N, C-alpha and C. Protein backbone atom coordinates (compact mmCIF):
# COMPACT_ATOMS: atom_id res chain seq x y z
N MET A 1 1.10 -1.28 0.45
CA MET A 1 0.20 0.26 -0.07
C MET A 1 1.10 1.01 -0.45
N GLY A 2 1.52 1.47 0.71
CA GLY A 2 2.84 2.31 0.33
C GLY A 2 2.54 3.56 0.63
N LEU A 3 2.64 4.45 0.11
CA LEU A 3 2.29 5.98 1.07
C LEU A 3 0.96 5.97 0.92
N TYR A 4 -0.01 5.53 0.80
CA TYR A 4 -1.47 5.71 0.82
C TYR A 4 -2.01 4.98 1.71
N HIS A 5 -1.47 4.12 2.16
CA HIS A 5 -1.55 3.59 3.67
C HIS A 5 -2.60 3.99 4.13
N TRP A 6 -2.35 5.49 5.20
CA TRP A 6 -2.78 5.87 6.02
C TRP A 6 -4.18 6.27 5.47
N ALA A 7 -4.77 6.34 4.14
CA ALA A 7 -6.29 6.71 4.01
C ALA A 7 -6.67 5.87 4.22
N TYR A 8 -6.53 4.54 3.72
CA TYR A 8 -7.13 3.18 3.75
C TYR A 8 -7.06 2.62 4.94
N THR A 9 -6.32 3.55 6.44
CA THR A 9 -6.62 3.11 7.34
C THR A 9 -8.60 3.71 7.98
N ILE A 10 -8.58 4.46 7.44
CA ILE A 10 -9.40 5.22 7.85
C ILE A 10 -11.14 5.02 6.72
N TRP A 11 -10.74 4.29 5.58
CA TRP A 11 -11.18 4.93 4.93
C TRP A 11 -12.37 3.72 5.09
N ASP A 12 -12.80 2.71 5.38
CA ASP A 12 -13.90 1.86 5.94
C ASP A 12 -14.75 2.36 6.83
N GLU A 13 -13.77 2.97 7.89
CA GLU A 13 -14.98 3.46 8.87
C GLU A 13 -15.73 4.61 8.01
N LEU A 14 -15.11 5.05 7.18
CA LEU A 14 -16.02 6.57 6.45
C LEU A 14 -16.98 6.36 6.06
N VAL A 15 -16.78 4.73 5.28
CA VAL A 15 -17.80 4.47 3.95
C VAL A 15 -18.85 3.95 5.35
N THR A 16 -18.62 3.39 6.81
CA THR A 16 -19.70 3.24 7.36
C THR A 16 -20.20 4.67 8.05
N ALA A 17 -19.08 5.86 8.36
CA ALA A 17 -19.65 6.94 8.89
C ALA A 17 -21.02 7.58 7.94
N LEU A 18 -20.86 7.52 6.44
CA LEU A 18 -22.16 7.81 5.86
C LEU A 18 -22.75 7.42 6.52
N THR A 19 -23.43 6.88 7.15
CA THR A 19 -25.55 5.86 7.34
C THR A 19 -25.01 6.80 8.55
N HIS A 20 -24.05 7.25 9.62
CA HIS A 20 -24.29 7.24 10.97
C HIS A 20 -25.63 7.70 11.35
N LYS A 21 -26.15 7.81 12.45
CA LYS A 21 -27.48 8.25 13.11
C LYS A 21 -27.40 9.95 12.50
N ASP A 22 -26.33 10.36 13.23
CA ASP A 22 -26.02 11.94 13.38
C ASP A 22 -25.65 12.18 11.87
N ALA A 23 -26.08 13.00 11.61
CA ALA A 23 -26.23 14.36 10.80
C ALA A 23 -24.95 14.43 10.21
N HIS A 24 -24.28 14.97 11.06
CA HIS A 24 -22.79 16.03 11.50
C HIS A 24 -21.81 14.92 11.04
N GLN A 25 -22.08 13.87 11.21
CA GLN A 25 -20.93 12.84 10.98
C GLN A 25 -21.26 12.17 9.87
N ARG A 26 -23.00 12.10 9.27
CA ARG A 26 -22.41 12.06 7.76
C ARG A 26 -21.86 12.72 6.77
N ALA A 27 -22.06 14.12 6.73
CA ALA A 27 -21.69 15.36 6.45
C ALA A 27 -20.34 14.97 6.20
N ILE A 28 -19.01 14.59 8.05
CA ILE A 28 -17.77 15.47 7.49
C ILE A 28 -17.80 13.98 6.87
N ALA A 29 -18.18 12.58 6.92
CA ALA A 29 -17.62 11.44 6.48
C ALA A 29 -17.59 11.59 4.73
N ALA A 30 -18.55 12.09 4.43
CA ALA A 30 -18.96 11.92 2.92
C ALA A 30 -17.50 13.57 2.48
N GLN A 31 -17.00 14.52 3.14
CA GLN A 31 -16.64 15.13 2.42
C GLN A 31 -14.93 14.63 3.19
N LEU A 32 -14.15 13.81 3.94
CA LEU A 32 -13.25 13.36 3.90
C LEU A 32 -12.84 12.14 2.78
N LEU A 33 -13.91 11.82 2.43
CA LEU A 33 -13.98 10.85 2.01
C LEU A 33 -14.04 11.17 0.25
N CYS A 34 -14.55 12.35 -0.47
CA CYS A 34 -14.08 12.94 -1.75
C CYS A 34 -12.67 13.39 -1.44
N SER A 35 -12.43 14.28 0.50
CA SER A 35 -10.61 14.79 -0.22
C SER A 35 -9.94 13.59 -0.26
N LEU A 36 -10.28 12.28 -0.23
CA LEU A 36 -9.66 11.28 0.37
C LEU A 36 -9.09 10.71 -1.47
N ALA A 37 -10.44 10.65 -1.92
CA ALA A 37 -10.18 10.57 -3.52
C ALA A 37 -8.91 10.18 -4.07
N LYS A 38 -7.89 11.63 -3.84
CA LYS A 38 -7.08 11.68 -4.54
C LYS A 38 -5.77 10.32 -3.74
N SER A 39 -5.84 10.00 -2.63
CA SER A 39 -4.71 9.08 -1.98
C SER A 39 -5.74 7.86 -2.39
N ASP A 40 -6.75 7.23 -3.86
CA ASP A 40 -7.28 5.86 -3.62
C ASP A 40 -6.15 5.51 -4.85
N PRO A 41 -4.66 4.76 -4.96
CA PRO A 41 -4.76 3.56 -5.88
C PRO A 41 -5.02 2.61 -6.48
N GLU A 42 -5.95 2.39 -5.19
CA GLU A 42 -6.63 0.88 -5.85
C GLU A 42 -8.29 1.34 -5.95
N GLY A 43 -8.13 2.07 -6.60
CA GLY A 43 -9.28 2.69 -6.52
C GLY A 43 -10.94 2.45 -6.23
N ARG A 44 -10.81 2.59 -4.60
CA ARG A 44 -11.96 1.71 -3.68
C ARG A 44 -12.92 2.90 -4.05
N MET A 45 -12.67 3.81 -4.49
CA MET A 45 -13.88 4.85 -4.72
C MET A 45 -15.07 4.16 -6.07
N GLN A 46 -14.57 3.67 -7.18
CA GLN A 46 -15.26 3.58 -7.29
C GLN A 46 -16.45 2.38 -6.96
N ARG A 47 -16.34 1.58 -6.26
CA ARG A 47 -17.32 0.96 -5.18
C ARG A 47 -17.89 1.78 -4.00
N THR A 48 -17.36 2.65 -3.84
CA THR A 48 -18.22 3.90 -2.22
C THR A 48 -18.68 4.64 -3.10
N PHE A 49 -18.86 4.81 -4.50
CA PHE A 49 -19.12 6.44 -4.85
C PHE A 49 -20.64 6.37 -5.12
N ALA A 50 -21.19 5.19 -5.23
CA ALA A 50 -22.91 5.29 -4.62
C ALA A 50 -23.31 5.29 -3.40
N ALA A 51 -23.11 4.68 -2.35
CA ALA A 51 -22.68 5.17 -0.95
C ALA A 51 -22.58 6.68 -0.52
N LEU A 52 -21.24 7.48 -1.39
CA LEU A 52 -21.09 8.60 -0.74
C LEU A 52 -22.71 9.43 -1.78
N TRP A 53 -22.71 9.28 -3.08
CA TRP A 53 -23.65 10.19 -3.24
C TRP A 53 -24.78 9.96 -3.06
N ALA A 54 -25.19 8.56 -2.16
CA ALA A 54 -27.00 8.65 -1.57
C ALA A 54 -26.97 9.53 -0.10
N VAL A 55 -25.37 10.40 0.34
CA VAL A 55 -25.61 11.13 0.98
C VAL A 55 -26.34 12.44 0.87
N THR A 56 -25.98 13.14 -0.71
CA THR A 56 -26.64 14.29 -1.10
C THR A 56 -27.92 14.49 -1.21
N TYR A 57 -28.24 13.05 -1.02
CA TYR A 57 -30.00 12.98 -0.94
C TYR A 57 -30.00 12.57 1.11
N ASP A 58 -29.45 13.61 1.63
CA ASP A 58 -29.53 13.40 3.29
C ASP A 58 -31.36 13.77 3.43
N PRO A 59 -31.78 13.49 3.99
CA PRO A 59 -33.14 14.38 4.96
C PRO A 59 -32.88 15.86 5.35
N LYS A 60 -31.63 16.08 5.60
CA LYS A 60 -31.33 16.68 6.14
C LYS A 60 -30.40 17.59 5.21
N PHE A 61 -31.44 19.17 5.28
CA PHE A 61 -30.38 19.81 3.42
C PHE A 61 -28.97 19.73 3.45
N VAL A 62 -28.61 20.48 4.90
CA VAL A 62 -27.60 20.64 4.92
C VAL A 62 -26.11 19.21 4.66
N THR A 63 -26.84 18.74 5.12
CA THR A 63 -26.03 17.58 5.32
C THR A 63 -25.37 17.00 3.99
N ALA A 64 -27.08 17.16 3.29
CA ALA A 64 -26.75 16.70 1.25
C ALA A 64 -25.75 17.48 0.56
N ARG A 65 -26.13 19.26 1.17
CA ARG A 65 -25.32 20.32 0.27
C ARG A 65 -23.77 20.69 0.48
N HIS A 66 -23.77 19.87 2.17
CA HIS A 66 -22.56 19.66 2.22
C HIS A 66 -21.35 18.23 1.29
N ALA A 67 -22.07 17.44 0.90
CA ALA A 67 -21.46 16.41 0.67
C ALA A 67 -21.63 16.68 -1.27
N LEU A 68 -22.74 17.22 -1.62
CA LEU A 68 -23.01 17.76 -2.70
C LEU A 68 -21.59 18.63 -3.28
N GLN A 69 -21.07 19.79 -2.60
CA GLN A 69 -20.47 20.63 -2.25
C GLN A 69 -18.81 20.15 -2.59
N ALA A 70 -18.72 18.82 -2.37
CA ALA A 70 -17.49 18.65 -2.04
C ALA A 70 -17.07 17.07 -3.28
N ILE A 71 -18.30 16.77 -3.42
CA ILE A 71 -17.93 15.50 -4.56
C ILE A 71 -17.56 15.68 -5.65
N TRP A 72 -17.25 17.02 -6.37
CA TRP A 72 -17.03 17.18 -7.39
C TRP A 72 -15.16 16.53 -7.33
N GLN A 73 -14.56 16.35 -5.95
CA GLN A 73 -12.91 15.97 -6.09
C GLN A 73 -12.72 15.28 -6.31
N VAL A 74 -13.90 14.39 -6.40
CA VAL A 74 -13.74 12.35 -6.71
C VAL A 74 -13.05 12.86 -8.64
N GLY A 75 -14.08 13.43 -9.05
CA GLY A 75 -13.90 13.79 -10.77
C GLY A 75 -12.67 14.76 -11.06
N ALA A 76 -11.96 14.75 -9.84
CA ALA A 76 -10.19 15.15 -10.32
C ALA A 76 -9.56 14.65 -10.31
N VAL A 77 -9.61 13.35 -10.15
CA VAL A 77 -8.89 11.97 -9.70
C VAL A 77 -7.81 11.07 -10.47
N ARG A 78 -9.09 10.99 -11.91
CA ARG A 78 -8.94 10.33 -12.99
C ARG A 78 -10.46 10.33 -13.66
N ALA A 79 -9.99 10.09 -15.21
CA ALA A 79 -11.10 10.40 -16.09
C ALA A 79 -12.13 9.19 -15.92
N GLN A 80 -12.24 8.18 -15.02
CA GLN A 80 -13.40 7.13 -15.56
C GLN A 80 -14.24 8.02 -14.00
N HIS A 81 -13.52 8.45 -12.90
CA HIS A 81 -14.32 9.55 -11.92
C HIS A 81 -14.99 10.28 -12.58
N GLN A 82 -13.65 10.87 -13.37
CA GLN A 82 -14.81 12.55 -14.05
C GLN A 82 -16.39 12.08 -14.80
N ALA A 83 -15.68 10.76 -15.65
CA ALA A 83 -17.24 10.42 -16.53
C ALA A 83 -18.28 10.35 -14.97
N LEU A 84 -17.88 9.41 -14.46
CA LEU A 84 -18.99 9.47 -12.93
C LEU A 84 -19.53 10.47 -12.74
N VAL A 85 -18.78 11.34 -11.76
CA VAL A 85 -19.61 12.94 -11.77
C VAL A 85 -20.17 13.42 -12.59
N VAL A 86 -19.58 13.93 -13.35
CA VAL A 86 -20.95 14.40 -14.73
C VAL A 86 -21.61 13.96 -15.18
N ARG A 87 -21.64 12.56 -15.01
CA ARG A 87 -22.89 11.69 -15.45
C ARG A 87 -23.43 11.94 -13.94
N HIS A 88 -23.64 11.61 -12.97
CA HIS A 88 -24.31 11.92 -11.60
C HIS A 88 -24.46 13.59 -11.56
N PHE A 89 -23.91 14.41 -11.90
CA PHE A 89 -24.56 15.70 -11.69
C PHE A 89 -25.36 15.87 -13.31
N SER A 90 -25.24 16.02 -13.89
CA SER A 90 -26.48 15.77 -14.95
C SER A 90 -27.55 15.83 -15.30
N GLU A 91 -27.79 14.45 -14.66
CA GLU A 91 -29.23 13.87 -14.36
C GLU A 91 -29.27 14.29 -13.22
N ARG A 92 -28.19 14.25 -12.12
CA ARG A 92 -29.80 15.31 -11.24
C ARG A 92 -29.75 16.59 -11.23
N PHE A 93 -28.95 17.54 -11.91
CA PHE A 93 -29.86 18.49 -13.16
C PHE A 93 -31.07 18.67 -13.71
N SER A 94 -31.14 17.77 -13.89
CA SER A 94 -32.47 17.13 -15.02
C SER A 94 -33.36 17.28 -13.97
N SER A 95 -33.17 16.23 -12.91
CA SER A 95 -33.96 15.70 -11.85
C SER A 95 -34.40 15.97 -11.07
N CYS A 96 -33.96 17.27 -10.27
CA CYS A 96 -33.80 17.20 -9.21
C CYS A 96 -35.08 18.41 -8.76
N SER A 97 -36.21 19.14 -9.86
CA SER A 97 -37.03 19.90 -9.85
C SER A 97 -38.32 19.52 -8.64
N ALA A 98 -38.42 18.33 -8.49
CA ALA A 98 -38.80 18.07 -7.19
C ALA A 98 -38.73 18.22 -5.88
N GLU A 99 -37.14 17.82 -5.94
CA GLU A 99 -36.63 18.25 -4.56
C GLU A 99 -36.59 19.70 -3.87
N LYS A 100 -35.85 19.07 -2.72
CA LYS A 100 -36.38 20.81 -1.63
C LYS A 100 -35.26 21.55 -2.54
N HIS A 101 -35.79 23.10 -2.06
CA HIS A 101 -34.77 24.02 -2.70
C HIS A 101 -33.66 23.30 -4.22
N PRO A 102 -34.43 23.23 -5.39
CA PRO A 102 -34.32 22.55 -6.16
C PRO A 102 -32.45 23.96 -6.90
N THR A 103 -33.25 24.91 -6.53
CA THR A 103 -32.21 25.55 -7.27
C THR A 103 -30.81 26.08 -6.66
N LEU A 104 -30.99 25.94 -5.77
CA LEU A 104 -29.70 25.36 -4.49
C LEU A 104 -29.14 24.30 -5.39
N ILE A 105 -29.43 23.21 -5.55
CA ILE A 105 -29.01 22.13 -6.16
C ILE A 105 -28.18 22.31 -7.66
N ARG A 106 -29.08 22.69 -8.00
CA ARG A 106 -28.26 22.94 -9.28
C ARG A 106 -27.16 24.37 -9.58
N TYR A 107 -27.52 25.10 -8.26
CA TYR A 107 -26.45 25.98 -8.29
C TYR A 107 -25.16 25.21 -7.89
N ASP A 108 -25.41 24.22 -6.94
CA ASP A 108 -23.82 23.58 -6.30
C ASP A 108 -23.45 22.42 -7.20
N LEU A 109 -24.14 21.87 -8.36
CA LEU A 109 -23.90 21.36 -9.54
C LEU A 109 -22.51 21.67 -10.59
N ILE A 110 -23.60 22.98 -10.61
CA ILE A 110 -22.90 23.85 -11.99
C ILE A 110 -21.47 24.37 -11.38
N ALA A 111 -21.55 24.82 -9.82
CA ALA A 111 -20.30 24.95 -9.10
C ALA A 111 -19.23 24.12 -8.97
N GLY A 112 -19.70 22.47 -8.82
CA GLY A 112 -19.19 21.57 -8.57
C GLY A 112 -18.56 21.52 -10.25
N LEU A 113 -18.96 21.66 -11.11
CA LEU A 113 -18.51 21.59 -12.83
C LEU A 113 -17.06 22.69 -12.66
N ARG A 114 -18.16 23.82 -12.57
CA ARG A 114 -16.41 24.66 -12.50
C ARG A 114 -15.45 24.44 -11.57
N LYS A 115 -15.43 23.93 -10.96
CA LYS A 115 -14.23 23.17 -9.60
C LYS A 115 -13.17 22.28 -10.57
N LEU A 116 -14.14 21.38 -10.78
CA LEU A 116 -13.76 20.23 -11.66
C LEU A 116 -13.14 20.62 -13.04
N TYR A 117 -13.77 22.46 -13.72
CA TYR A 117 -12.84 22.55 -14.63
C TYR A 117 -11.62 23.59 -13.49
N ALA A 118 -11.69 24.10 -13.15
CA ALA A 118 -10.57 25.16 -12.67
C ALA A 118 -9.11 24.04 -12.24
N THR A 119 -9.67 22.31 -11.90
CA THR A 119 -8.45 22.00 -12.07
C THR A 119 -8.32 20.41 -12.95
N THR A 120 -8.80 20.68 -13.48
CA THR A 120 -8.62 19.41 -14.82
C THR A 120 -8.17 19.84 -15.72
N HIS A 121 -8.98 21.19 -16.33
CA HIS A 121 -8.83 22.19 -18.18
C HIS A 121 -9.59 21.49 -18.50
N ALA A 122 -10.61 20.25 -18.83
CA ALA A 122 -10.77 20.01 -19.17
C ALA A 122 -12.68 20.02 -20.31
N ASP A 123 -12.13 21.03 -21.60
CA ASP A 123 -13.20 21.67 -22.15
C ASP A 123 -14.47 20.89 -22.49
N GLU A 124 -14.69 19.66 -21.88
CA GLU A 124 -16.10 19.21 -21.65
C GLU A 124 -17.02 19.48 -20.52
N LEU A 125 -16.43 19.58 -19.68
CA LEU A 125 -16.65 19.98 -18.81
C LEU A 125 -17.47 21.71 -18.39
N ARG A 126 -17.03 22.73 -19.35
CA ARG A 126 -17.54 23.76 -19.90
C ARG A 126 -18.63 23.33 -20.76
N THR A 127 -19.22 22.88 -21.64
CA THR A 127 -19.49 22.59 -22.53
C THR A 127 -21.00 21.68 -22.19
N THR A 128 -20.37 21.12 -21.12
CA THR A 128 -21.53 20.19 -20.23
C THR A 128 -22.11 21.30 -19.27
N ALA A 129 -21.52 22.09 -18.43
CA ALA A 129 -21.88 23.10 -17.75
C ALA A 129 -23.20 23.68 -18.49
N LEU A 130 -22.73 23.82 -19.63
CA LEU A 130 -23.23 25.38 -20.66
C LEU A 130 -24.57 24.97 -20.82
N ALA A 131 -24.44 23.60 -21.53
CA ALA A 131 -26.01 22.78 -21.84
C ALA A 131 -26.66 22.84 -21.07
N LEU A 132 -26.13 22.70 -20.09
CA LEU A 132 -27.27 22.63 -19.05
C LEU A 132 -27.64 23.35 -18.49
N ILE A 133 -26.80 24.39 -18.17
CA ILE A 133 -27.51 25.60 -18.01
C ILE A 133 -28.69 25.77 -18.51
N ALA A 134 -28.53 25.70 -20.27
CA ALA A 134 -29.24 26.05 -20.89
C ALA A 134 -30.75 25.84 -21.15
N THR A 135 -30.73 24.49 -20.09
CA THR A 135 -32.20 23.78 -20.00
C THR A 135 -33.00 24.93 -18.76
N GLU A 136 -32.54 25.32 -18.01
CA GLU A 136 -32.87 26.15 -17.02
C GLU A 136 -33.86 26.99 -18.12
N ALA A 137 -35.48 26.69 -17.53
CA ALA A 137 -36.27 27.78 -18.11
C ALA A 137 -36.75 29.36 -16.96
N ASP A 138 -35.56 29.42 -16.02
CA ASP A 138 -35.84 30.74 -15.38
C ASP A 138 -34.78 31.43 -15.85
N ALA A 139 -35.11 32.56 -15.84
CA ALA A 139 -33.84 33.20 -16.99
C ALA A 139 -32.88 33.82 -15.78
N LYS A 140 -33.78 33.97 -14.93
CA LYS A 140 -33.05 34.63 -13.31
C LYS A 140 -31.81 33.62 -13.08
N TYR A 141 -31.89 32.68 -12.49
CA TYR A 141 -31.63 31.24 -12.41
C TYR A 141 -30.54 30.51 -13.61
N ARG A 142 -30.69 30.83 -15.32
CA ARG A 142 -29.81 31.25 -16.02
C ARG A 142 -28.27 31.80 -15.60
N LYS A 143 -29.13 32.94 -15.49
CA LYS A 143 -27.94 33.82 -15.86
C LYS A 143 -26.92 33.64 -14.01
N LYS A 144 -27.52 33.35 -13.60
CA LYS A 144 -26.92 32.81 -11.97
C LYS A 144 -25.94 32.25 -12.02
N TYR A 145 -26.32 30.68 -12.48
CA TYR A 145 -25.13 30.41 -12.66
C TYR A 145 -24.41 29.97 -14.36
N THR A 146 -24.39 30.42 -14.99
CA THR A 146 -23.87 31.78 -16.16
C THR A 146 -22.48 32.36 -15.05
N SER A 147 -23.27 32.62 -14.47
CA SER A 147 -22.60 33.78 -14.04
C SER A 147 -21.15 33.25 -13.52
N LEU A 148 -21.05 32.13 -12.94
CA LEU A 148 -19.55 30.73 -11.94
C LEU A 148 -19.22 30.44 -13.39
N TRP A 149 -19.30 31.29 -14.56
CA TRP A 149 -18.32 30.03 -15.36
C TRP A 149 -17.80 31.78 -16.63
N SER A 150 -18.29 32.51 -15.99
CA SER A 150 -17.82 34.12 -16.32
C SER A 150 -16.31 34.39 -15.66
N LYS A 151 -16.34 34.00 -14.84
CA LYS A 151 -14.99 34.08 -13.55
C LYS A 151 -13.69 33.69 -14.14
N PRO A 152 -12.77 34.19 -14.67
CA PRO A 152 -11.57 33.26 -14.93
C PRO A 152 -10.89 32.56 -13.99
């Protein structure tokens, strides 16, 4: 395991904490796992991602939002992770209208794509984000989401 051994000593504990009864513990576990994705040469995130993504639907909105705001980091690790994150972000952007606070969710998704783009410079991320933004019916929110991409 070498250099990344320390990450794996807590990995399973964090995965278990994703379903902890305390919402604060769930949020912390999700955020830490997102940060540890870069320390995952074994590719454990492939098996962990579904449990991590489930936290973005947490009954406590603040917990869900903290997980959603951190999950872009998973996509910065390798191409297959990026594809996984972008697919989930795109699906969620299109399907979240029935959820509580859909405009905040969409904002976090577009902000996550922007952070991922800033890290990877993958042009397809910009294309995807702008295509998603174009599907927003409300001009006010289209403008708000687009503003994330007008910054250098």
